[in-house]
Amino acid sequence: LKSAWLLEGSRARTRLQKPPDSTHSAMASQAQISKKRKFVADGVFYAELNEFLMRTLSEDGYAGVEVRVTPIRTEIIIRATRTREVLGEKGRRIRELTAVVQKRYGFPENSVELFAERVENRASCAMAQCESLRYKLLGGLAARRACYGVIRFIMENGAKGVEVIISGKLRAQRAKAMKFKDGYLISTGEPKKHYIAEAVRHVCMRQGMLGIKVKIMLAHDPEGIMGPKMPLPDNVIIHEPKEDVPVMQPNAEDQAQGGYQGDQ
């Protein structure tokens, strides 16, 4: 896979006579490109990098990548559930990946660096759970049992809701789709961008391809660590009623002085 990727990169460079435009320091010496071309080039760079890492690190719980461009170097942060496997023995694997990325995109020496970041709560990571389900199905586990196992694990770890859709030739020759849901799940609006984690994977089974989609609704976290900091706009908070101040009983002297004075 790596050799094919590098070969594709060398062909692209031969065709274009220059590396693809991006926001890293290798491109600084080039003529100024338009904003439109820059954003398209950045998007292509991210998509290609994400696809490569997804295929290479699928067994290590790959959960996304973040590209940070600084004036000195370009930092690529790989998020994964098993960072030890991503780093490899004495950091060998991460150095190999750095060399591949550097060669493919024509980065100057020591201008790109890869880091591995551990996912704190893997139950709330849709990509990690999608990969987990994929390997369960490849291992021969029944689709229904595998899906319910993933849903139970996600819900037990504090998610608000989850949906798993699996489609393809599940048992018979006829293709069908199965949908499993639990909890509360929103599907539209601005909160969807913050609260819903979604991932899609394809499983090559003996009968044909299966498609898996996992959607997780994260729980609100005021600190923004385990979930979104922004509360749901329709969330209603019911406060505890205030304690009633007890009415003081009048003492004996007040009762003696008081009363109806009309007869006197």
C-alpha atoms as a PDB file:
ATOM      1  CA  LEU A   1       0.000   0.000   0.000  1.00  0.00           C
ATOM      2  CA  LYS A   2       2.803   2.410   0.940  1.00  0.00           C
ATOM      3  CA  SER A   3       4.796   1.679  -2.236  1.00  0.00           C
ATOM      4  CA  ALA A   4       1.687   2.193  -4.409  1.00  0.00           C
ATOM      5  CA  TRP A   5       0.976   5.458  -2.593  1.00  0.00           C
ATOM      6  CA  LEU A   6       4.545   6.697  -3.146  1.00  0.00           C
ATOM      7  CA  LEU A   7       4.456   5.660  -6.812  1.00  0.00           C
ATOM      8  CA  GLU A   8       1.202   7.576  -7.271  1.00  0.00           C
ATOM      9  CA  GLY A   9       2.845  10.614  -5.667  1.00  0.00           C
ATOM     10  CA  SER A  10       5.886  10.451  -7.972  1.00  0.00           C
ATOM     11  CA  ARG A  11       3.603  10.176 -11.020  1.00  0.00           C
ATOM     12  CA  ALA A  12       1.587  13.194  -9.868  1.00  0.00           C
ATOM     13  CA  ARG A  13       4.799  15.202  -9.439  1.00  0.00           C
ATOM     14  CA  THR A  14       6.027  14.184 -12.897  1.00  0.00           C
ATOM     15  CA  ARG A  15       2.695  15.242 -14.427  1.00  0.00           C
ATOM     16  CA  LEU A  16       2.485  18.565 -12.634  1.00  0.00           C
ATOM     17  CA  GLN A  17       6.248  19.329 -12.528  1.00  0.00           C
ATOM     18  CA  LYS A  18       5.666  20.538  -8.948  1.00  0.00           C
ATOM     19  CA  PRO A  19       4.264  19.080  -5.695  1.00  0.00           C
ATOM     20  CA  PRO A  20       0.570  19.658  -4.853  1.00  0.00           C
ATOM     21  CA  ASP A  21      -0.105  23.037  -3.238  1.00  0.00           C
ATOM     22  CA  SER A  22      -0.655  23.031   0.528  1.00  0.00           C
ATOM     23  CA  THR A  23      -0.037  25.279   3.508  1.00  0.00           C
ATOM     24  CA  HIS A  24       3.211  23.678   4.654  1.00  0.00           C
ATOM     25  CA  SER A  25       6.662  25.257   4.481  1.00  0.00           C
ATOM     26  CA  ALA A  26       7.609  23.313   1.343  1.00  0.00           C
ATOM     27  CA  MET A  27       5.123  25.425  -0.589  1.00  0.00           C
ATOM     28  CA  ALA A  28       6.285  28.775   0.841  1.00  0.00           C
ATOM     29  CA  SER A  29       8.826  29.305  -1.934  1.00  0.00           C
ATOM     30  CA  GLN A  30       6.180  28.916  -4.649  1.00  0.00           C
ATOM     31  CA  ALA A  31       4.241  31.769  -6.219  1.00  0.00           C
ATOM     32  CA  GLN A  32       1.175  32.938  -4.287  1.00  0.00           C
ATOM     33  CA  ILE A  33      -1.868  30.841  -5.196  1.00  0.00           C
ATOM     34  CA  SER A  34      -5.485  31.957  -5.002  1.00  0.00           C
ATOM     35  CA  LYS A  35      -7.492  31.342  -1.823  1.00  0.00           C
ATOM     36  CA  LYS A  36      -9.835  28.997  -3.661  1.00  0.00           C
ATOM     37  CA  ARG A  37      -7.006  26.793  -4.935  1.00  0.00           C
ATOM     38  CA  LYS A  38      -5.347  26.843  -1.514  1.00  0.00           C
ATOM     39  CA  PHE A  39      -8.435  25.571   0.316  1.00  0.00           C
ATOM     40  CA  VAL A  40      -9.074  22.906  -2.335  1.00  0.00           C
ATOM     41  CA  ALA A  41      -5.425  21.765  -2.122  1.00  0.00           C
ATOM     42  CA  ASP A  42      -5.615  21.633   1.700  1.00  0.00           C
ATOM     43  CA  GLY A  43      -8.819  19.588   1.508  1.00  0.00           C
ATOM     44  CA  VAL A  44      -7.282  17.114  -0.970  1.00  0.00           C
ATOM     45  CA  PHE A  45      -4.160  16.812   1.228  1.00  0.00           C
ATOM     46  CA  TYR A  46      -6.279  16.088   4.326  1.00  0.00           C
ATOM     47  CA  ALA A  47      -8.561  13.602   2.514  1.00  0.00           C
ATOM     48  CA  GLU A  48      -5.652  11.646   1.031  1.00  0.00           C
ATOM     49  CA  LEU A  49      -3.763  11.592   4.351  1.00  0.00           C
ATOM     50  CA  ASN A  50      -6.887  10.494   6.250  1.00  0.00           C
ATOM     51  CA  GLU A  51      -7.563   7.674   3.748  1.00  0.00           C
ATOM     52  CA  PHE A  52      -3.955   6.440   3.952  1.00  0.00           C
ATOM     53  CA  LEU A  53      -3.891   6.440   7.776  1.00  0.00           C
ATOM     54  CA  MET A  54      -7.341   4.836   7.938  1.00  0.00           C
ATOM     55  CA  ARG A  55      -6.128   1.865   5.886  1.00  0.00           C
ATOM     56  CA  THR A  56      -2.730   1.613   7.576  1.00  0.00           C
ATOM     57  CA  LEU A  57      -3.838   2.009  11.211  1.00  0.00           C
ATOM     58  CA  SER A  58      -7.289   0.387  11.099  1.00  0.00           C
ATOM     59  CA  GLU A  59      -6.223  -2.378  13.534  1.00  0.00           C
ATOM     60  CA  ASP A  60      -4.833   0.144  16.015  1.00  0.00           C
ATOM     61  CA  GLY A  61      -8.120   1.987  16.622  1.00  0.00           C
ATOM     62  CA  TYR A  62      -7.514   4.927  14.267  1.00  0.00           C
ATOM     63  CA  ALA A  63      -9.899   7.746  15.220  1.00  0.00           C
ATOM     64  CA  GLY A  64      -9.019  10.712  13.012  1.00  0.00           C
ATOM     65  CA  VAL A  65      -6.196  13.095  12.158  1.00  0.00           C
ATOM     66  CA  GLU A  66      -5.549  16.805  12.720  1.00  0.00           C
ATOM     67  CA  VAL A  67      -3.127  18.926  10.665  1.00  0.00           C
ATOM     68  CA  ARG A  68      -1.582  21.967  12.365  1.00  0.00           C
ATOM     69  CA  VAL A  69       0.544  24.291  10.266  1.00  0.00           C
ATOM     70  CA  THR A  70       3.117  26.447  12.086  1.00  0.00           C
ATOM     71  CA  PRO A  71       5.749  28.740  10.547  1.00  0.00           C
ATOM     72  CA  ILE A  72       8.515  26.286  11.533  1.00  0.00           C
ATOM     73  CA  ARG A  73       6.933  22.920  10.690  1.00  0.00           C
ATOM     74  CA  THR A  74       3.736  21.036   9.926  1.00  0.00           C
ATOM     75  CA  GLU A  75       2.396  18.909  12.794  1.00  0.00           C
ATOM     76  CA  ILE A  76       0.141  15.931  12.059  1.00  0.00           C
ATOM     77  CA  ILE A  77      -1.651  14.591  15.144  1.00  0.00           C
ATOM     78  CA  ILE A  78      -2.990  11.050  14.775  1.00  0.00           C
ATOM     79  CA  ARG A  79      -5.801  10.175  17.210  1.00  0.00           C
ATOM     80  CA  ALA A  80      -6.031   6.478  18.090  1.00  0.00           C
ATOM     81  CA  THR A  81      -7.198   4.203  20.916  1.00  0.00           C
ATOM     82  CA  ARG A  82      -3.958   2.166  20.957  1.00  0.00           C
ATOM     83  CA  THR A  83      -1.141   4.714  20.679  1.00  0.00           C
ATOM     84  CA  ARG A  84       1.558   2.191  21.638  1.00  0.00           C
ATOM     85  CA  GLU A  85       0.945   0.225  18.431  1.00  0.00           C
ATOM     86  CA  VAL A  86       0.870   3.448  16.378  1.00  0.00           C
ATOM     87  CA  LEU A  87       4.270   4.511  17.757  1.00  0.00           C
ATOM     88  CA  GLY A  88       5.760   1.025  17.307  1.00  0.00           C
ATOM     89  CA  GLU A  89       8.843  -0.385  19.000  1.00  0.00           C
ATOM     90  CA  LYS A  90      11.083   2.551  20.056  1.00  0.00           C
ATOM     91  CA  GLY A  91       9.033   4.873  17.809  1.00  0.00           C
ATOM     92  CA  ARG A  92       9.936   2.949  14.651  1.00  0.00           C
ATOM     93  CA  ARG A  93       6.473   2.886  13.074  1.00  0.00           C
ATOM     94  CA  ILE A  94       5.783   6.594  13.540  1.00  0.00           C
ATOM     95  CA  ARG A  95       9.164   7.390  11.956  1.00  0.00           C
ATOM     96  CA  GLU A  96       8.253   5.195   8.974  1.00  0.00           C
ATOM     97  CA  LEU A  97       4.922   7.008   8.549  1.00  0.00           C
ATOM     98  CA  THR A  98       6.697  10.387   8.825  1.00  0.00           C
ATOM     99  CA  ALA A  99       9.154   9.366   6.093  1.00  0.00           C
ATOM    100  CA  VAL A 100       6.314   8.185   3.813  1.00  0.00           C
ATOM    101  CA  VAL A 101       4.334  11.440   4.227  1.00  0.00           C
ATOM    102  CA  GLN A 102       7.474  13.532   3.766  1.00  0.00           C
ATOM    103  CA  LYS A 103       8.443  11.714   0.551  1.00  0.00           C
ATOM    104  CA  ARG A 104       4.924  11.698  -0.896  1.00  0.00           C
ATOM    105  CA  TYR A 105       4.322  15.446  -0.508  1.00  0.00           C
ATOM    106  CA  GLY A 106       7.876  16.686  -1.059  1.00  0.00           C
ATOM    107  CA  PHE A 107       8.346  18.199   2.409  1.00  0.00           C
ATOM    108  CA  PRO A 108      11.879  19.421   3.200  1.00  0.00           C
ATOM    109  CA  GLU A 109      13.865  17.443   5.800  1.00  0.00           C
ATOM    110  CA  ASN A 110      12.551  17.818   9.389  1.00  0.00           C
ATOM    111  CA  SER A 111       9.676  20.105   8.337  1.00  0.00           C
ATOM    112  CA  VAL A 112       6.891  17.584   9.083  1.00  0.00           C
ATOM    113  CA  GLU A 113       6.326  15.690  12.321  1.00  0.00           C
ATOM    114  CA  LEU A 114       3.765  13.059  13.288  1.00  0.00           C
ATOM    115  CA  PHE A 115       2.383  12.674  16.816  1.00  0.00           C
ATOM    116  CA  ALA A 116       0.074  10.062  18.332  1.00  0.00           C
ATOM    117  CA  GLU A 117      -2.705  11.192  20.693  1.00  0.00           C
ATOM    118  CA  ARG A 118      -4.729   8.751  22.776  1.00  0.00           C
ATOM    119  CA  VAL A 119      -8.534   8.894  22.649  1.00  0.00           C
ATOM    120  CA  GLU A 120      -9.755   9.345  26.221  1.00  0.00           C
ATOM    121  CA  ASN A 121     -13.201   7.775  25.873  1.00  0.00           C
ATOM    122  CA  ARG A 122     -13.203   5.252  23.022  1.00  0.00           C
ATOM    123  CA  ALA A 123     -16.898   4.463  23.580  1.00  0.00           C
ATOM    124  CA  SER A 124     -17.819   7.964  22.395  1.00  0.00           C
ATOM    125  CA  CYS A 125     -15.611   7.706  19.273  1.00  0.00           C
ATOM    126  CA  ALA A 126     -17.700   6.553  16.286  1.00  0.00           C
ATOM    127  CA  MET A 127     -14.656   5.665  14.153  1.00  0.00           C
ATOM    128  CA  ALA A 128     -13.183   3.393  16.838  1.00  0.00           C
ATOM    129  CA  GLN A 129     -16.533   1.630  17.390  1.00  0.00           C
ATOM    130  CA  CYS A 130     -17.062   1.218  13.635  1.00  0.00           C
ATOM    131  CA  GLU A 131     -13.660  -0.476  13.321  1.00  0.00           C
ATOM    132  CA  SER A 132     -14.471  -2.650  16.353  1.00  0.00           C
ATOM    133  CA  LEU A 133     -17.735  -3.782  14.722  1.00  0.00           C
ATOM    134  CA  ARG A 134     -15.906  -4.396  11.433  1.00  0.00           C
ATOM    135  CA  TYR A 135     -13.415  -6.772  13.059  1.00  0.00           C
ATOM    136  CA  LYS A 136     -16.199  -8.561  14.952  1.00  0.00           C
ATOM    137  CA  LEU A 137     -17.967  -9.278  11.640  1.00  0.00           C
ATOM    138  CA  LEU A 138     -14.722 -10.375   9.974  1.00  0.00           C
ATOM    139  CA  GLY A 139     -14.179 -12.721  12.922  1.00  0.00           C
ATOM    140  CA  GLY A 140     -17.437 -14.515  12.084  1.00  0.00           C
ATOM    141  CA  LEU A 141     -19.728 -13.101  14.789  1.00  0.00           C
ATOM    142  CA  ALA A 142     -23.424 -12.847  13.873  1.00  0.00           C
ATOM    143  CA  ALA A 143     -24.418  -9.352  12.727  1.00  0.00           C
ATOM    144  CA  ARG A 144     -27.244  -8.893  15.254  1.00  0.00           C
ATOM    145  CA  ARG A 145     -25.116 -10.025  18.186  1.00  0.00           C
ATOM    146  CA  ALA A 146     -22.154  -7.856  17.133  1.00  0.00           C
ATOM    147  CA  CYS A 147     -24.364  -4.748  16.776  1.00  0.00           C
ATOM    148  CA  TYR A 148     -26.077  -5.211  20.133  1.00  0.00           C
ATOM    149  CA  GLY A 149     -22.685  -5.718  21.803  1.00  0.00           C
ATOM    150  CA  VAL A 150     -21.384  -2.413  20.392  1.00  0.00           C
ATOM    151  CA  ILE A 151     -24.603  -0.556  21.349  1.00  0.00           C
ATOM    152  CA  ARG A 152     -24.488  -1.862  24.920  1.00  0.00           C
ATOM    153  CA  PHE A 153     -20.821  -0.886  25.317  1.00  0.00           C
ATOM    154  CA  ILE A 154     -21.470   2.660  24.008  1.00  0.00           C
ATOM    155  CA  MET A 155     -24.551   3.230  26.195  1.00  0.00           C
ATOM    156  CA  GLU A 156     -22.860   1.885  29.333  1.00  0.00           C
ATOM    157  CA  ASN A 157     -20.081   4.436  28.919  1.00  0.00           C
ATOM    158  CA  GLY A 158     -22.301   7.508  29.147  1.00  0.00           C
ATOM    159  CA  ALA A 159     -23.538   8.190  25.597  1.00  0.00           C
ATOM    160  CA  LYS A 160     -26.983   9.754  25.193  1.00  0.00           C
ATOM    161  CA  GLY A 161     -27.992   7.665  22.185  1.00  0.00           C
ATOM    162  CA  VAL A 162     -26.643   5.410  19.451  1.00  0.00           C
ATOM    163  CA  GLU A 163     -27.710   4.081  16.056  1.00  0.00           C
ATOM    164  CA  VAL A 164     -26.037   1.287  14.077  1.00  0.00           C
ATOM    165  CA  ILE A 165     -27.027   0.541  10.466  1.00  0.00           C
ATOM    166  CA  ILE A 166     -25.630  -2.508   8.711  1.00  0.00           C
ATOM    167  CA  SER A 167     -26.571  -3.238   5.093  1.00  0.00           C
ATOM    168  CA  GLY A 168     -25.665  -5.793   2.445  1.00  0.00           C
ATOM    169  CA  LYS A 169     -25.962  -9.562   2.008  1.00  0.00           C
ATOM    170  CA  LEU A 170     -26.237 -10.454   5.684  1.00  0.00           C
ATOM    171  CA  ARG A 171     -27.450 -14.067   5.544  1.00  0.00           C
ATOM    172  CA  ALA A 172     -29.308 -14.818   2.318  1.00  0.00           C
ATOM    173  CA  GLN A 173     -28.463 -13.781  -1.257  1.00  0.00           C
ATOM    174  CA  ARG A 174     -30.942 -10.929  -1.010  1.00  0.00           C
ATOM    175  CA  ALA A 175     -29.370  -7.743   0.359  1.00  0.00           C
ATOM    176  CA  LYS A 176     -31.117  -5.956   3.220  1.00  0.00           C
ATOM    177  CA  ALA A 177     -30.452  -3.318   5.851  1.00  0.00           C
ATOM    178  CA  MET A 178     -30.759  -3.708   9.629  1.00  0.00           C
ATOM    179  CA  LYS A 179     -31.083  -0.716  11.944  1.00  0.00           C
ATOM    180  CA  PHE A 180     -30.409  -0.837  15.696  1.00  0.00           C
ATOM    181  CA  LYS A 181     -31.158   2.156  17.948  1.00  0.00           C
ATOM    182  CA  ASP A 182     -31.007   2.993  21.615  1.00  0.00           C
ATOM    183  CA  GLY A 183     -31.441   6.184  23.647  1.00  0.00           C
ATOM    184  CA  TYR A 184     -32.065   9.724  22.394  1.00  0.00           C
ATOM    185  CA  LEU A 185     -30.630  10.793  19.025  1.00  0.00           C
ATOM    186  CA  ILE A 186     -31.056  14.103  17.163  1.00  0.00           C
ATOM    187  CA  SER A 187     -30.628  14.231  13.386  1.00  0.00           C
ATOM    188  CA  THR A 188     -30.905  17.887  12.292  1.00  0.00           C
ATOM    189  CA  GLY A 189     -29.973  21.439  13.221  1.00  0.00           C
ATOM    190  CA  GLU A 190     -26.912  23.178  14.599  1.00  0.00           C
ATOM    191  CA  PRO A 191     -26.550  20.868  17.673  1.00  0.00           C
ATOM    192  CA  LYS A 192     -26.020  17.915  15.302  1.00  0.00           C
ATOM    193  CA  LYS A 193     -22.613  19.372  14.346  1.00  0.00           C
ATOM    194  CA  HIS A 194     -21.498  19.311  17.983  1.00  0.00           C
ATOM    195  CA  TYR A 195     -23.331  16.315  19.461  1.00  0.00           C
ATOM    196  CA  ILE A 196     -23.310  13.633  16.731  1.00  0.00           C
ATOM    197  CA  ALA A 197     -20.213  11.542  15.976  1.00  0.00           C
ATOM    198  CA  GLU A 198     -20.657   9.528  12.772  1.00  0.00           C
ATOM    199  CA  ALA A 199     -18.501   6.987  10.921  1.00  0.00           C
ATOM    200  CA  VAL A 200     -18.924   4.687   7.905  1.00  0.00           C
ATOM    201  CA  ARG A 201     -16.864   1.592   7.086  1.00  0.00           C
ATOM    202  CA  HIS A 202     -17.016  -1.189   4.481  1.00  0.00           C
ATOM    203  CA  VAL A 203     -16.450  -4.864   5.276  1.00  0.00           C
ATOM    204  CA  CYS A 204     -15.418  -7.280   2.553  1.00  0.00           C
ATOM    205  CA  MET A 205     -17.204 -10.514   3.505  1.00  0.00           C
ATOM    206  CA  ARG A 206     -17.221 -13.779   1.579  1.00  0.00           C
ATOM    207  CA  GLN A 207     -20.663 -13.103   0.062  1.00  0.00           C
ATOM    208  CA  GLY A 208     -19.932  -9.483  -0.811  1.00  0.00           C
ATOM    209  CA  MET A 209     -19.539  -6.027   0.675  1.00  0.00           C
ATOM    210  CA  LEU A 210     -21.278  -4.927   3.863  1.00  0.00           C
ATOM    211  CA  GLY A 211     -21.745  -1.282   4.824  1.00  0.00           C
ATOM    212  CA  ILE A 212     -21.617  -0.169   8.465  1.00  0.00           C
ATOM    213  CA  LYS A 213     -22.706   3.210   9.823  1.00  0.00           C
ATOM    214  CA  VAL A 214     -22.382   4.155  13.492  1.00  0.00           C
ATOM    215  CA  LYS A 215     -23.934   7.348  14.918  1.00  0.00           C
ATOM    216  CA  ILE A 216     -23.328   8.320  18.541  1.00  0.00           C
ATOM    217  CA  MET A 217     -24.974  11.194  20.395  1.00  0.00           C
ATOM    218  CA  LEU A 218     -22.568  12.496  23.011  1.00  0.00           C
ATOM    219  CA  ALA A 219     -23.671  13.651  26.455  1.00  0.00           C
ATOM    220  CA  HIS A 220     -23.326  17.302  27.503  1.00  0.00           C
ATOM    221  CA  ASP A 221     -20.186  18.045  29.531  1.00  0.00           C
ATOM    222  CA  PRO A 222     -19.850  21.556  31.085  1.00  0.00           C
ATOM    223  CA  GLU A 223     -16.042  21.203  31.012  1.00  0.00           C
ATOM    224  CA  GLY A 224     -15.990  20.065  27.367  1.00  0.00           C
ATOM    225  CA  ILE A 225     -13.765  17.011  27.971  1.00  0.00           C
ATOM    226  CA  MET A 226     -16.049  13.993  27.500  1.00  0.00           C
ATOM    227  CA  GLY A 227     -18.651  15.771  25.367  1.00  0.00           C
ATOM    228  CA  PRO A 228     -19.697  19.135  23.897  1.00  0.00           C
ATOM    229  CA  LYS A 229     -19.569  22.185  26.164  1.00  0.00           C
ATOM    230  CA  MET A 230     -22.526  23.859  24.429  1.00  0.00           C
ATOM    231  CA  PRO A 231     -25.864  22.809  26.000  1.00  0.00           C
ATOM    232  CA  LEU A 232     -28.766  21.733  23.795  1.00  0.00           C
ATOM    233  CA  PRO A 233     -30.943  24.748  22.912  1.00  0.00           C
ATOM    234  CA  ASP A 234     -34.196  23.002  23.930  1.00  0.00           C
ATOM    235  CA  ASN A 235     -32.798  21.617  27.174  1.00  0.00           C
ATOM    236  CA  VAL A 236     -35.007  22.530  30.147  1.00  0.00           C
ATOM    237  CA  ILE A 237     -33.452  22.627  33.601  1.00  0.00           C
ATOM    238  CA  ILE A 238     -35.950  22.144  36.451  1.00  0.00           C
ATOM    239  CA  HIS A 239     -34.579  23.581  39.680  1.00  0.00           C
ATOM    240  CA  GLU A 240     -35.387  22.119  43.070  1.00  0.00           C
ATOM    241  CA  PRO A 241     -38.120  24.121  44.864  1.00  0.00           C
ATOM    242  CA  LYS A 242     -36.937  26.473  47.583  1.00  0.00           C
ATOM    243  CA  GLU A 243     -37.559  25.420  51.155  1.00  0.00           C
ATOM    244  CA  ASP A 244     -40.638  27.143  52.626  1.00  0.00           C
ATOM    245  CA  VAL A 245     -39.867  29.344  55.623  1.00  0.00           C
ATOM    246  CA  PRO A 246     -42.045  28.022  58.489  1.00  0.00           C
ATOM    247  CA  VAL A 247     -44.713  30.471  59.715  1.00  0.00           C
ATOM    248  CA  MET A 248     -43.912  31.486  63.294  1.00  0.00           C
ATOM    249  CA  GLN A 249     -46.681  30.799  65.827  1.00  0.00           C
ATOM    250  CA  PRO A 250     -47.697  33.863  67.927  1.00  0.00           C
ATOM    251  CA  ASN A 251     -46.603  33.575  71.562  1.00  0.00           C
ATOM    252  CA  ALA A 252     -48.964  33.643  74.596  1.00  0.00           C
ATOM    253  CA  GLU A 253     -48.481  37.388  75.401  1.00  0.00           C
ATOM    254  CA  ASP A 254     -49.454  38.473  71.902  1.00  0.00           C
ATOM    255  CA  GLN A 255     -52.557  36.268  72.079  1.00  0.00           C
ATOM    256  CA  ALA A 256     -53.556  37.824  75.470  1.00  0.00           C
ATOM    257  CA  GLN A 257     -53.228  41.408  74.208  1.00  0.00           C
ATOM    258  CA  GLY A 258     -54.882  40.718  70.922  1.00  0.00           C
ATOM    259  CA  GLY A 259     -58.482  39.714  70.250  1.00  0.00           C
ATOM    260  CA  TYR A 260     -61.739  41.547  69.538  1.00  0.00           C
ATOM    261  CA  GLN A 261     -62.051  44.730  71.669  1.00  0.00           C
ATOM    262  CA  GLY A 262     -65.611  45.730  70.690  1.00  0.00           C
ATOM    263  CA  ASP A 263     -67.370  44.690  73.950  1.00  0.00           C
ATOM    264  CA  GLN A 264     -65.146  46.842  76.220  1.00  0.00           C
END
